[in-house]
Protein backbone atom coordinates (compact mmCIF):
# COMPACT_ATOMS: atom_id res chain seq x y z
CA MET A 1 -6.37 195.71 106.16
CA THR A 2 -7.52 192.96 108.08
CA GLU A 3 -10.31 192.55 110.67
CA GLN A 4 -10.26 189.63 113.40
CA ILE A 5 -12.10 188.99 116.65
CA GLU A 6 -9.74 188.60 119.54
CA ILE A 7 -10.81 186.52 122.54
CA GLU A 8 -8.06 186.34 125.12
CA TYR A 9 -7.78 185.64 128.74
CA LYS A 10 -4.66 186.73 130.75
CA THR A 11 -2.99 186.92 134.03
CA LEU A 12 0.14 188.56 135.43
CA LEU A 13 2.86 186.10 136.50
CA THR A 14 6.19 186.25 138.68
CA HIS A 15 9.25 185.67 136.91
CA GLU A 16 9.56 182.25 138.45
CA GLN A 17 6.22 181.11 137.10
CA PHE A 18 7.05 182.49 133.85
CA ALA A 19 10.29 180.48 133.66
CA VAL A 20 8.20 177.35 135.09
CA ILE A 21 5.98 177.81 131.85
CA LYS A 22 8.58 178.38 129.51
CA ALA A 23 10.56 175.40 130.53
CA LYS A 24 7.40 173.04 129.95
CA TYR A 25 6.16 174.68 126.58
CA ALA A 26 9.17 176.45 124.98
CA PRO A 27 12.37 175.46 126.50
CA GLU A 28 14.32 176.11 123.12
CA LYS A 29 12.20 178.91 121.83
CA ASN A 30 13.58 182.83 121.75
CA ALA A 31 11.37 185.40 122.27
CA PHE A 32 10.74 188.15 119.49
CA VAL A 33 10.54 191.66 120.44
CA GLN A 34 7.56 193.98 119.69
CA GLU A 35 7.64 197.60 120.31
CA ASN A 36 4.03 199.18 121.10
CA TYR A 37 3.23 202.82 120.52
CA TYR A 38 -0.16 203.71 122.02
CA PHE A 39 -2.15 206.49 120.76
CA ASP A 40 -5.27 208.55 121.94
CA THR A 41 -6.91 211.77 121.80
CA PRO A 42 -5.41 214.35 124.48
CA ASP A 43 -8.80 214.01 126.61
CA PHE A 44 -8.65 210.28 126.12
CA ARG A 45 -11.84 209.46 123.79
CA LEU A 46 -11.07 206.30 122.86
CA LYS A 47 -10.39 205.14 126.41
CA GLN A 48 -13.89 206.26 127.27
CA LEU A 49 -15.11 204.07 124.23
CA GLN A 50 -13.12 201.25 125.67
CA CYS A 51 -10.93 201.20 122.45
CA GLY A 52 -7.20 200.88 122.13
CA LEU A 53 -5.08 202.31 119.20
CA ARG A 54 -1.55 201.26 118.58
CA ILE A 55 1.32 200.96 116.17
CA ARG A 56 3.28 197.84 116.70
CA THR A 57 6.99 197.28 115.12
CA PHE A 58 8.70 194.19 114.58
CA GLU A 59 12.03 193.35 113.05
CA GLU A 60 10.80 193.44 109.55
CA GLY A 61 7.57 195.53 109.45
CA GLY A 62 4.76 197.23 111.44
CA GLU A 63 0.98 197.61 111.89
CA CYS A 64 -1.61 200.11 113.11
CA THR A 65 -4.34 198.25 114.99
CA LEU A 66 -7.75 199.73 116.38
CA LYS A 67 -9.49 197.35 119.08
CA THR A 68 -12.99 197.93 119.41
CA PRO A 69 -15.16 196.21 122.02
CA LEU A 70 -17.43 193.09 121.23
CA LYS A 71 -19.92 191.32 123.41
CA ASP A 72 -17.26 188.52 123.64
CA GLY A 73 -13.59 189.79 123.04
CA LEU A 74 -12.49 192.71 120.62
CA LEU A 75 -12.58 193.45 117.08
CA GLU A 76 -9.21 194.24 115.69
CA THR A 77 -8.94 196.55 112.57
CA THR A 78 -5.41 196.49 111.30
CA ASP A 79 -3.75 198.46 108.59
CA HIS A 80 -0.22 196.73 107.66
CA LEU A 81 2.71 198.80 107.58
CA THR A 82 6.51 198.64 106.38
CA LEU A 83 8.77 199.37 108.86
CA GLU A 84 9.68 202.67 107.15
CA GLN A 85 6.01 203.71 107.26
CA ALA A 86 5.78 202.80 110.84
CA GLN A 87 8.98 204.70 111.61
CA THR A 88 7.81 207.82 109.65
CA LEU A 89 4.57 207.86 111.58
CA LEU A 90 5.94 207.32 114.91
CA GLN A 91 8.44 209.98 114.45
CA ALA A 92 5.45 212.55 113.45
CA LYS A 93 3.83 210.81 116.46
CA THR A 94 0.59 210.25 114.43
CA ILE A 95 -1.04 207.52 112.37
CA LEU A 96 -2.25 207.07 108.61
CA PRO A 97 -4.71 209.77 107.74
CA HIS A 98 -6.44 207.20 105.59
CA GLY A 99 -7.03 203.43 105.61
CA SER A 100 -9.27 200.98 107.60
CA VAL A 101 -8.25 202.46 111.00
CA ALA A 102 -8.73 206.06 110.11
CA GLN A 103 -12.42 204.83 108.68
CA LYS A 104 -13.03 203.15 111.90
CA LEU A 105 -12.11 206.18 113.92
CA VAL A 106 -14.18 208.63 111.88
CA GLN A 107 -17.29 205.98 112.79
CA LEU A 108 -16.59 206.58 116.37
CA GLY A 109 -16.55 210.15 115.82
CA ILE A 110 -12.88 210.96 116.03
CA GLN A 111 -10.66 212.41 113.06
CA PRO A 112 -7.44 210.48 112.43
CA ASP A 113 -5.49 213.86 113.06
CA GLN A 114 -6.90 214.43 116.36
CA VAL A 115 -5.10 211.20 118.13
CA ARG A 116 -1.60 211.53 119.55
CA LEU A 117 1.11 209.34 120.58
CA LEU A 118 0.86 209.13 124.40
CA ALA A 119 2.66 205.79 125.59
CA ASP A 120 4.89 203.06 124.70
CA LEU A 121 5.68 199.52 125.74
CA LYS A 122 8.38 197.11 124.72
CA THR A 123 7.64 193.33 124.79
CA ALA A 124 9.47 190.34 124.43
CA ARG A 125 7.13 187.58 123.54
CA ILE A 126 7.48 183.62 123.37
CA GLN A 127 4.25 182.47 121.23
CA ILE A 128 3.20 178.79 121.61
CA ASP A 129 0.50 176.97 119.74
CA LEU A 130 -1.48 174.81 121.93
CA PRO A 131 -4.46 172.65 121.24
CA ILE A 132 -6.61 175.01 123.41
CA GLY A 133 -5.50 178.13 121.78
CA GLU A 134 -2.43 180.31 121.19
CA LEU A 135 -0.20 180.82 124.46
CA ALA A 136 1.67 184.09 124.64
CA LEU A 137 4.51 184.55 127.28
CA ASP A 138 5.21 188.28 127.66
CA GLU A 139 7.76 190.06 129.42
CA SER A 140 7.16 193.84 129.07
CA TRP A 141 8.88 197.21 129.69
CA TYR A 142 6.94 200.44 130.31
CA GLY A 143 8.07 203.52 131.95
CA LYS A 144 9.72 202.37 134.88
CA ASN A 145 7.87 199.15 135.10
CA HIS A 146 8.57 195.68 134.19
CA ASP A 147 6.30 192.55 134.46
CA TYR A 148 5.47 188.98 133.18
CA GLU A 149 2.41 187.89 131.64
CA LEU A 150 0.51 184.92 130.28
CA GLU A 151 -2.12 185.25 127.44
CA LEU A 152 -4.32 182.64 125.95
CA GLU A 153 -6.08 183.50 122.60
CA VAL A 154 -8.97 181.44 121.95
CA SER A 155 -11.66 181.14 119.29
CA GLU A 156 -14.65 180.57 121.83
CA ALA A 157 -15.22 182.64 125.17
CA SER A 158 -16.62 180.12 127.61
CA LYS A 159 -14.68 176.93 126.47
CA GLY A 160 -11.49 179.23 126.26
CA LYS A 161 -12.04 180.57 129.76
CA GLN A 162 -12.10 177.17 130.99
CA ASP A 163 -9.06 175.83 129.38
CA PHE A 164 -7.42 179.39 130.72
CA LEU A 165 -8.33 178.37 134.23
CA ASP A 166 -7.23 174.83 133.69
CA LEU A 167 -3.91 175.89 132.49
CA LEU A 168 -3.17 178.15 135.58
CA ALA A 169 -4.48 175.21 137.88
CA GLU A 170 -1.76 172.83 135.98
CA PHE A 171 0.94 175.31 137.48
CA GLY A 172 -0.69 176.17 140.65
CA ILE A 173 -1.19 179.69 139.57
CA ARG A 174 -3.69 182.04 141.19
CA TYR A 175 -5.22 184.14 138.68
CA GLN A 176 -4.24 187.91 138.70
CA PRO A 177 -6.32 190.14 136.69
CA ALA A 178 -4.27 191.78 134.25
CA LYS A 179 -5.24 195.30 132.67
CA ASN A 180 -4.54 195.61 128.81
CA LYS A 181 -1.01 196.69 128.11
CA ILE A 182 -2.39 199.82 126.63
CA VAL A 183 -3.77 200.51 130.12
CA ARG A 184 -0.73 199.75 132.15
CA ALA A 185 1.30 201.85 129.59
CA PHE A 186 -1.17 204.68 129.95
CA GLU A 187 -0.89 204.49 133.97
CA ALA A 188 2.96 204.52 133.91
CA ILE A 189 2.74 207.89 132.32
CA VAL A 190 0.46 209.66 134.88
């Protein structure tokens, strides 16, 4: 189990903007694929609490993460999974009945067996460490949708926001608010 605070700023990009930023910061870097599977109760109680729950699979493993809101950012509670565990849970369309994520759900008044797999999203991500934070260039597919996104994960909210805006200005990019991936994936199924 791990817990960490996530403070990130994001904007949607055009394909051309994505290509220009990649050419500057990661011309030789290949993307890695993440598959995100999003869960909620049938009546979207997690959404009502502004929380998000996902199982994410990578080439060599997986993780189950619950994101809960904080004043600045989100608290991520994560249970690490083997790839086999993740695949078994996804086939059953459920999450682990025990562990840190399950405990947090119970604290929120939700039993782990109440959540269901409702949506999925596939991302090809290029991750770059910059002095201002961790930059992610994402190309995502969900439902019939396909988009590009820039995320900057930072350690301090106000300085991080200014660094994010400066980064956009460097490339002449107008800030376009991006809904969280879970929101976009859920909207694609409605």
